[in-house]
PDB file of N, CA and C in Angstrom:
ATOM      1  N   MET A   1     115.340  35.665  16.672  1.00  0.00           N
ATOM      2  CA  MET A   1     115.455  37.047  16.227  1.00  0.00           C
ATOM      3  C   MET A   1     116.887  37.303  15.787  1.00  0.00           C
ATOM      4  N   GLU A   2     117.055  37.987  14.664  1.00  0.00           N
ATOM      5  CA  GLU A   2     118.375  38.294  14.133  1.00  0.00           C
ATOM      6  C   GLU A   2     119.055  39.374  14.960  1.00  0.00           C
ATOM      7  N   SER A   3     120.375  39.319  15.010  1.00  0.00           N
ATOM      8  CA  SER A   3     121.102  40.385  15.693  1.00  0.00           C
ATOM      9  C   SER A   3     121.266  41.555  14.734  1.00  0.00           C
ATOM     10  N   ILE A   4     121.564  42.727  15.269  1.00  0.00           N
ATOM     11  CA  ILE A   4     121.767  43.911  14.431  1.00  0.00           C
ATOM     12  C   ILE A   4     122.977  43.701  13.529  1.00  0.00           C
ATOM     13  N   LEU A   5     124.029  43.051  14.042  1.00  0.00           N
ATOM     14  CA  LEU A   5     125.229  42.836  13.254  1.00  0.00           C
ATOM     15  C   LEU A   5     124.925  41.976  12.036  1.00  0.00           C
ATOM     16  N   SER A   6     124.206  40.864  12.230  1.00  0.00           N
ATOM     17  CA  SER A   6     123.927  40.007  11.091  1.00  0.00           C
ATOM     18  C   SER A   6     123.006  40.703  10.095  1.00  0.00           C
ATOM     19  N   SER A   7     122.091  41.542  10.569  1.00  0.00           N
ATOM     20  CA  SER A   7     121.216  42.250   9.640  1.00  0.00           C
ATOM     21  C   SER A   7     122.012  43.262   8.832  1.00  0.00           C
ATOM     22  N   ALA A   8     123.015  43.898   9.445  1.00  0.00           N
ATOM     23  CA  ALA A   8     123.852  44.853   8.716  1.00  0.00           C
ATOM     24  C   ALA A   8     124.668  44.133   7.650  1.00  0.00           C
ATOM     25  N   GLU A   9     125.113  42.950   7.954  1.00  0.00           N
ATOM     26  CA  GLU A   9     125.911  42.188   7.002  1.00  0.00           C
ATOM     27  C   GLU A   9     125.073  41.689   5.833  1.00  0.00           C
ATOM     28  N   THR A  10     123.825  41.344   6.078  1.00  0.00           N
ATOM     29  CA  THR A  10     122.972  40.800   5.026  1.00  0.00           C
ATOM     30  C   THR A  10     122.158  41.864   4.319  1.00  0.00           C
ATOM     31  N   GLY A  11     122.049  43.042   4.907  1.00  0.00           N
ATOM     32  CA  GLY A  11     121.253  44.108   4.319  1.00  0.00           C
ATOM     33  C   GLY A  11     119.769  43.983   4.608  1.00  0.00           C
ATOM     34  N   LYS A  12     119.381  43.072   5.479  1.00  0.00           N
ATOM     35  CA  LYS A  12     117.973  42.897   5.826  1.00  0.00           C
ATOM     36  C   LYS A  12     117.569  43.897   6.892  1.00  0.00           C
ATOM     37  N   ALA A  13     116.409  44.513   6.708  1.00  0.00           N
ATOM     38  CA  ALA A  13     115.857  45.398   7.728  1.00  0.00           C
ATOM     39  C   ALA A  13     115.102  44.535   8.727  1.00  0.00           C
ATOM     40  N   ILE A  14     115.489  44.609  10.004  1.00  0.00           N
ATOM     41  CA  ILE A  14     114.814  43.796  11.020  1.00  0.00           C
ATOM     42  C   ILE A  14     113.790  44.600  11.788  1.00  0.00           C
ATOM     43  N   GLY A  15     113.807  45.919  11.629  1.00  0.00           N
ATOM     44  CA  GLY A  15     112.839  46.784  12.286  1.00  0.00           C
ATOM     45  C   GLY A  15     113.286  47.223  13.669  1.00  0.00           C
ATOM     46  N   LEU A  16     112.820  48.385  14.061  1.00  0.00           N
ATOM     47  CA  LEU A  16     113.125  48.943  15.375  1.00  0.00           C
ATOM     48  C   LEU A  16     111.818  49.389  16.021  1.00  0.00           C
ATOM     49  N   PRO A  17     111.481  48.846  17.176  1.00  0.00           N
ATOM     50  CA  PRO A  17     110.248  49.262  17.821  1.00  0.00           C
ATOM     51  C   PRO A  17     110.302  50.703  18.335  1.00  0.00           C
ATOM     52  N   ASN A  18     111.501  51.229  18.568  1.00  0.00           N
ATOM     53  CA  ASN A  18     111.649  52.583  19.104  1.00  0.00           C
ATOM     54  C   ASN A  18     112.285  53.526  18.083  1.00  0.00           C
ATOM     55  N   ALA A  19     112.021  53.316  16.813  1.00  0.00           N
ATOM     56  CA  ALA A  19     112.647  54.102  15.747  1.00  0.00           C
ATOM     57  C   ALA A  19     112.371  55.589  15.889  1.00  0.00           C
ATOM     58  N   LYS A  20     111.160  55.964  16.249  1.00  0.00           N
ATOM     59  CA  LYS A  20     110.813  57.379  16.370  1.00  0.00           C
ATOM     60  C   LYS A  20     111.634  58.057  17.473  1.00  0.00           C
ATOM     61  N   PHE A  21     111.805  57.374  18.603  1.00  0.00           N
ATOM     62  CA  PHE A  21     112.621  57.899  19.703  1.00  0.00           C
ATOM     63  C   PHE A  21     114.069  58.069  19.241  1.00  0.00           C
ATOM     64  N   LEU A  22     114.614  57.063  18.570  1.00  0.00           N
ATOM     65  CA  LEU A  22     115.996  57.124  18.105  1.00  0.00           C
ATOM     66  C   LEU A  22     116.193  58.242  17.086  1.00  0.00           C
ATOM     67  N   LEU A  23     115.189  58.484  16.274  1.00  0.00           N
ATOM     68  CA  LEU A  23     115.255  59.546  15.277  1.00  0.00           C
ATOM     69  C   LEU A  23     115.495  60.899  15.942  1.00  0.00           C
ATOM     70  N   GLU A  24     114.896  61.100  17.092  1.00  0.00           N
ATOM     71  CA  GLU A  24     115.057  62.354  17.818  1.00  0.00           C
ATOM     72  C   GLU A  24     116.321  62.371  18.682  1.00  0.00           C
ATOM     73  N   GLU A  25     116.671  61.240  19.254  1.00  0.00           N
ATOM     74  CA  GLU A  25     117.742  61.168  20.237  1.00  0.00           C
ATOM     75  C   GLU A  25     119.143  61.028  19.632  1.00  0.00           C
ATOM     76  N   LEU A  26     119.289  60.279  18.556  1.00  0.00           N
ATOM     77  CA  LEU A  26     120.622  60.001  18.005  1.00  0.00           C
ATOM     78  C   LEU A  26     121.420  61.225  17.574  1.00  0.00           C
ATOM     79  N   PRO A  27     120.848  62.183  16.852  1.00  0.00           N
ATOM     80  CA  PRO A  27     121.659  63.353  16.472  1.00  0.00           C
ATOM     81  C   PRO A  27     122.237  64.081  17.684  1.00  0.00           C
ATOM     82  N   ASN A  28     121.444  64.202  18.747  1.00  0.00           N
ATOM     83  CA  ASN A  28     121.935  64.862  19.965  1.00  0.00           C
ATOM     84  C   ASN A  28     123.054  64.067  20.618  1.00  0.00           C
ATOM     85  N   LYS A  29     122.889  62.758  20.714  1.00  0.00           N
ATOM     86  CA  LYS A  29     123.914  61.908  21.339  1.00  0.00           C
ATOM     87  C   LYS A  29     125.207  61.921  20.541  1.00  0.00           C
ATOM     88  N   LEU A  30     125.103  61.844  19.221  1.00  0.00           N
ATOM     89  CA  LEU A  30     126.311  61.875  18.387  1.00  0.00           C
ATOM     90  C   LEU A  30     127.066  63.183  18.545  1.00  0.00           C
ATOM     91  N   ARG A  31     126.325  64.277  18.584  1.00  0.00           N
ATOM     92  CA  ARG A  31     126.955  65.587  18.751  1.00  0.00           C
ATOM     93  C   ARG A  31     127.575  65.702  20.140  1.00  0.00           C
ATOM     94  N   GLU A  32     126.844  65.243  21.157  1.00  0.00           N
ATOM     95  CA  GLU A  32     127.302  65.335  22.549  1.00  0.00           C
ATOM     96  C   GLU A  32     128.520  64.441  22.826  1.00  0.00           C
ATOM     97  N   LEU A  33     128.485  63.206  22.355  1.00  0.00           N
ATOM     98  CA  LEU A  33     129.536  62.242  22.691  1.00  0.00           C
ATOM     99  C   LEU A  33     130.740  62.277  21.753  1.00  0.00           C
ATOM    100  N   ALA A  34     130.510  62.570  20.471  1.00  0.00           N
ATOM    101  CA  ALA A  34     131.613  62.499  19.512  1.00  0.00           C
ATOM    102  C   ALA A  34     131.896  63.826  18.829  1.00  0.00           C
ATOM    103  N   GLY A  35     131.071  64.818  19.060  1.00  0.00           N
ATOM    104  CA  GLY A  35     131.269  66.101  18.399  1.00  0.00           C
ATOM    105  C   GLY A  35     131.026  66.030  16.905  1.00  0.00           C
ATOM    106  N   ALA A  36     130.264  65.040  16.462  1.00  0.00           N
ATOM    107  CA  ALA A  36     130.006  64.838  15.040  1.00  0.00           C
ATOM    108  C   ALA A  36     128.559  65.176  14.716  1.00  0.00           C
ATOM    109  N   ALA A  37     128.365  65.817  13.581  1.00  0.00           N
ATOM    110  CA  ALA A  37     127.013  66.112  13.118  1.00  0.00           C
ATOM    111  C   ALA A  37     126.555  64.983  12.204  1.00  0.00           C
ATOM    112  N   ALA A  38     125.300  64.603  12.336  1.00  0.00           N
ATOM    113  CA  ALA A  38     124.761  63.530  11.511  1.00  0.00           C
ATOM    114  C   ALA A  38     123.310  63.811  11.176  1.00  0.00           C
ATOM    115  N   LYS A  39     122.913  63.356  10.025  1.00  0.00           N
ATOM    116  CA  LYS A  39     121.514  63.431   9.624  1.00  0.00           C
ATOM    117  C   LYS A  39     120.928  62.039   9.845  1.00  0.00           C
ATOM    118  N   VAL A  40     119.817  61.966  10.563  1.00  0.00           N
ATOM    119  CA  VAL A  40     119.192  60.685  10.871  1.00  0.00           C
ATOM    120  C   VAL A  40     117.833  60.651  10.186  1.00  0.00           C
ATOM    121  N   ASN A  41     117.639  59.634   9.350  1.00  0.00           N
ATOM    122  CA  ASN A  41     116.404  59.504   8.579  1.00  0.00           C
ATOM    123  C   ASN A  41     115.636  58.269   9.018  1.00  0.00           C
ATOM    124  N   LEU A  42     114.324  58.377   9.071  1.00  0.00           N
ATOM    125  CA  LEU A  42     113.468  57.237   9.352  1.00  0.00           C
ATOM    126  C   LEU A  42     113.053  56.646   8.013  1.00  0.00           C
ATOM    127  N   CYS A  43     113.345  55.365   7.815  1.00  0.00           N
ATOM    128  CA  CYS A  43     113.039  54.677   6.563  1.00  0.00           C
ATOM    129  C   CYS A  43     112.172  53.461   6.865  1.00  0.00           C
ATOM    130  N   GLU A  44     111.603  52.883   5.832  1.00  0.00           N
ATOM    131  CA  GLU A  44     110.790  51.688   6.009  1.00  0.00           C
ATOM    132  C   GLU A  44     111.039  50.740   4.846  1.00  0.00           C
ATOM    133  N   LYS A  45     111.175  49.461   5.171  1.00  0.00           N
ATOM    134  CA  LYS A  45     111.384  48.435   4.153  1.00  0.00           C
ATOM    135  C   LYS A  45     110.601  47.205   4.573  1.00  0.00           C
ATOM    136  N   ASN A  46     109.778  46.705   3.694  1.00  0.00           N
ATOM    137  CA  ASN A  46     108.954  45.528   3.977  1.00  0.00           C
ATOM    138  C   ASN A  46     108.136  45.698   5.256  1.00  0.00           C
ATOM    139  N   GLY A  47     107.640  46.902   5.475  1.00  0.00           N
ATOM    140  CA  GLY A  47     106.808  47.165   6.646  1.00  0.00           C
ATOM    141  C   GLY A  47     107.568  47.306   7.951  1.00  0.00           C
ATOM    142  N   ARG A  48     108.891  47.321   7.891  1.00  0.00           N
ATOM    143  CA  ARG A  48     109.713  47.453   9.097  1.00  0.00           C
ATOM    144  C   ARG A  48     110.451  48.777   9.075  1.00  0.00           C
ATOM    145  N   LYS A  49     110.353  49.518  10.166  1.00  0.00           N
ATOM    146  CA  LYS A  49     111.025  50.811  10.258  1.00  0.00           C
ATOM    147  C   LYS A  49     112.473  50.617  10.694  1.00  0.00           C
ATOM    148  N   TYR A  50     113.336  51.425  10.104  1.00  0.00           N
ATOM    149  CA  TYR A  50     114.743  51.430  10.488  1.00  0.00           C
ATOM    150  C   TYR A  50     115.273  52.834  10.309  1.00  0.00           C
ATOM    151  N   ILE A  51     116.448  53.094  10.846  1.00  0.00           N
ATOM    152  CA  ILE A  51     117.029  54.423  10.720  1.00  0.00           C
ATOM    153  C   ILE A  51     118.278  54.370   9.855  1.00  0.00           C
ATOM    154  N   GLU A  52     118.503  55.460   9.166  1.00  0.00           N
ATOM    155  CA  GLU A  52     119.687  55.640   8.339  1.00  0.00           C
ATOM    156  C   GLU A  52     120.448  56.818   8.934  1.00  0.00           C
ATOM    157  N   ILE A  53     121.738  56.632   9.191  1.00  0.00           N
ATOM    158  CA  ILE A  53     122.574  57.696   9.743  1.00  0.00           C
ATOM    159  C   ILE A  53     123.562  58.128   8.661  1.00  0.00           C
ATOM    160  N   VAL A  54     123.515  59.409   8.322  1.00  0.00           N
ATOM    161  CA  VAL A  54     124.372  59.953   7.266  1.00  0.00           C
ATOM    162  C   VAL A  54     125.293  60.995   7.889  1.00  0.00           C
ATOM    163  N   THR A  55     126.601  60.811   7.723  1.00  0.00           N
ATOM    164  CA  THR A  55     127.570  61.771   8.231  1.00  0.00           C
ATOM    165  C   THR A  55     128.485  62.221   7.101  1.00  0.00           C
ATOM    166  N   SER A  56     128.991  63.402   7.243  1.00  0.00           N
ATOM    167  CA  SER A  56     129.984  63.902   6.289  1.00  0.00           C
ATOM    168  C   SER A  56     131.346  63.325   6.656  1.00  0.00           C
ATOM    169  N   ALA A  57     132.229  63.326   5.680  1.00  0.00           N
ATOM    170  CA  ALA A  57     133.588  62.868   5.944  1.00  0.00           C
ATOM    171  C   ALA A  57     134.313  63.890   6.815  1.00  0.00           C
ATOM    172  N   TYR A  58     135.069  63.413   7.774  1.00  0.00           N
ATOM    173  CA  TYR A  58     135.877  64.280   8.636  1.00  0.00           C
ATOM    174  C   TYR A  58     137.345  64.012   8.326  1.00  0.00           C
ATOM    175  N   THR A  59     138.120  65.076   8.198  1.00  0.00           N
ATOM    176  CA  THR A  59     139.541  64.898   7.894  1.00  0.00           C
ATOM    177  C   THR A  59     140.336  64.507   9.134  1.00  0.00           C
ATOM    178  N   ASN A  60     139.816  64.840  10.316  1.00  0.00           N
ATOM    179  CA  ASN A  60     140.492  64.506  11.569  1.00  0.00           C
ATOM    180  C   ASN A  60     139.751  63.383  12.280  1.00  0.00           C
ATOM    181  N   PRO A  61     140.457  62.595  13.089  1.00  0.00           N
ATOM    182  CA  PRO A  61     139.794  61.547  13.868  1.00  0.00           C
ATOM    183  C   PRO A  61     138.778  62.145  14.841  1.00  0.00           C
ATOM    184  N   ILE A  62     137.782  61.358  15.196  1.00  0.00           N
ATOM    185  CA  ILE A  62     136.732  61.757  16.131  1.00  0.00           C
ATOM    186  C   ILE A  62     137.024  61.126  17.486  1.00  0.00           C
ATOM    187  N   SER A  63     136.922  61.903  18.546  1.00  0.00           N
ATOM    188  CA  SER A  63     137.157  61.406  19.897  1.00  0.00           C
ATOM    189  C   SER A  63     135.856  60.890  20.500  1.00  0.00           C
ATOM    190  N   TYR A  64     135.907  59.697  21.074  1.00  0.00           N
ATOM    191  CA  TYR A  64     134.758  59.109  21.767  1.00  0.00           C
ATOM    192  C   TYR A  64     135.270  58.474  23.044  1.00  0.00           C
ATOM    193  N   HIS A  65     134.908  59.047  24.187  1.00  0.00           N
ATOM    194  CA  HIS A  65     135.356  58.575  25.510  1.00  0.00           C
ATOM    195  C   HIS A  65     136.875  58.451  25.588  1.00  0.00           C
ATOM    196  N   GLY A  66     137.572  59.449  25.057  1.00  0.00           N
ATOM    197  CA  GLY A  66     139.020  59.493  25.170  1.00  0.00           C
ATOM    198  C   GLY A  66     139.781  58.664  24.142  1.00  0.00           C
ATOM    199  N   ARG A  67     139.083  57.936  23.289  1.00  0.00           N
ATOM    200  CA  ARG A  67     139.735  57.166  22.215  1.00  0.00           C
ATOM    201  C   ARG A  67     139.399  57.832  20.892  1.00  0.00           C
ATOM    202  N   TYR A  68     140.337  57.805  19.972  1.00  0.00           N
ATOM    203  CA  TYR A  68     140.143  58.457  18.680  1.00  0.00           C
ATOM    204  C   TYR A  68     139.892  57.430  17.592  1.00  0.00           C
ATOM    205  N   TYR A  69     138.942  57.774  16.715  1.00  0.00           N
ATOM    206  CA  TYR A  69     138.555  56.873  15.622  1.00  0.00           C
ATOM    207  C   TYR A  69     138.577  57.639  14.317  1.00  0.00           C
ATOM    208  N   GLN A  70     138.978  56.954  13.245  1.00  0.00           N
ATOM    209  CA  GLN A  70     138.938  57.546  11.933  1.00  0.00           C
ATOM    210  C   GLN A  70     138.371  56.512  10.975  1.00  0.00           C
ATOM    211  N   ARG A  71     137.434  56.946  10.165  1.00  0.00           N
ATOM    212  CA  ARG A  71     136.793  56.040   9.235  1.00  0.00           C
ATOM    213  C   ARG A  71     137.771  55.632   8.146  1.00  0.00           C
ATOM    214  N   SER A  72     137.735  54.352   7.838  1.00  0.00           N
ATOM    215  CA  SER A  72     138.557  53.806   6.771  1.00  0.00           C
ATOM    216  C   SER A  72     137.652  52.949   5.889  1.00  0.00           C
ATOM    217  N   GLY A  73     137.370  53.394   4.703  1.00  0.00           N
ATOM    218  CA  GLY A  73     136.449  52.664   3.834  1.00  0.00           C
ATOM    219  C   GLY A  73     135.045  52.705   4.411  1.00  0.00           C
ATOM    220  N   ARG A  74     134.453  51.543   4.603  1.00  0.00           N
ATOM    221  CA  ARG A  74     133.082  51.465   5.135  1.00  0.00           C
ATOM    222  C   ARG A  74     133.055  51.234   6.632  1.00  0.00           C
ATOM    223  N   THR A  75     134.208  51.250   7.284  1.00  0.00           N
ATOM    224  CA  THR A  75     134.239  50.951   8.725  1.00  0.00           C
ATOM    225  C   THR A  75     134.721  52.141   9.533  1.00  0.00           C
TER     226      THR A  75
END
């Protein structure tokens, strides 16, 4: 089975057995833990469900467990 990291690097959808749960849970967790709003979409490719997380650009770093992060390019 492929890891999530390798699938992200190759662009292959590996599927998520709990995609529906994550669709409901992720926006709340992101808001609760990082104070960030995100739109979470359920998508399907080659019969495999996956989620897409879309966030707006933030001008200030985001705090997560006391550490601050700022997006740079695609990371």
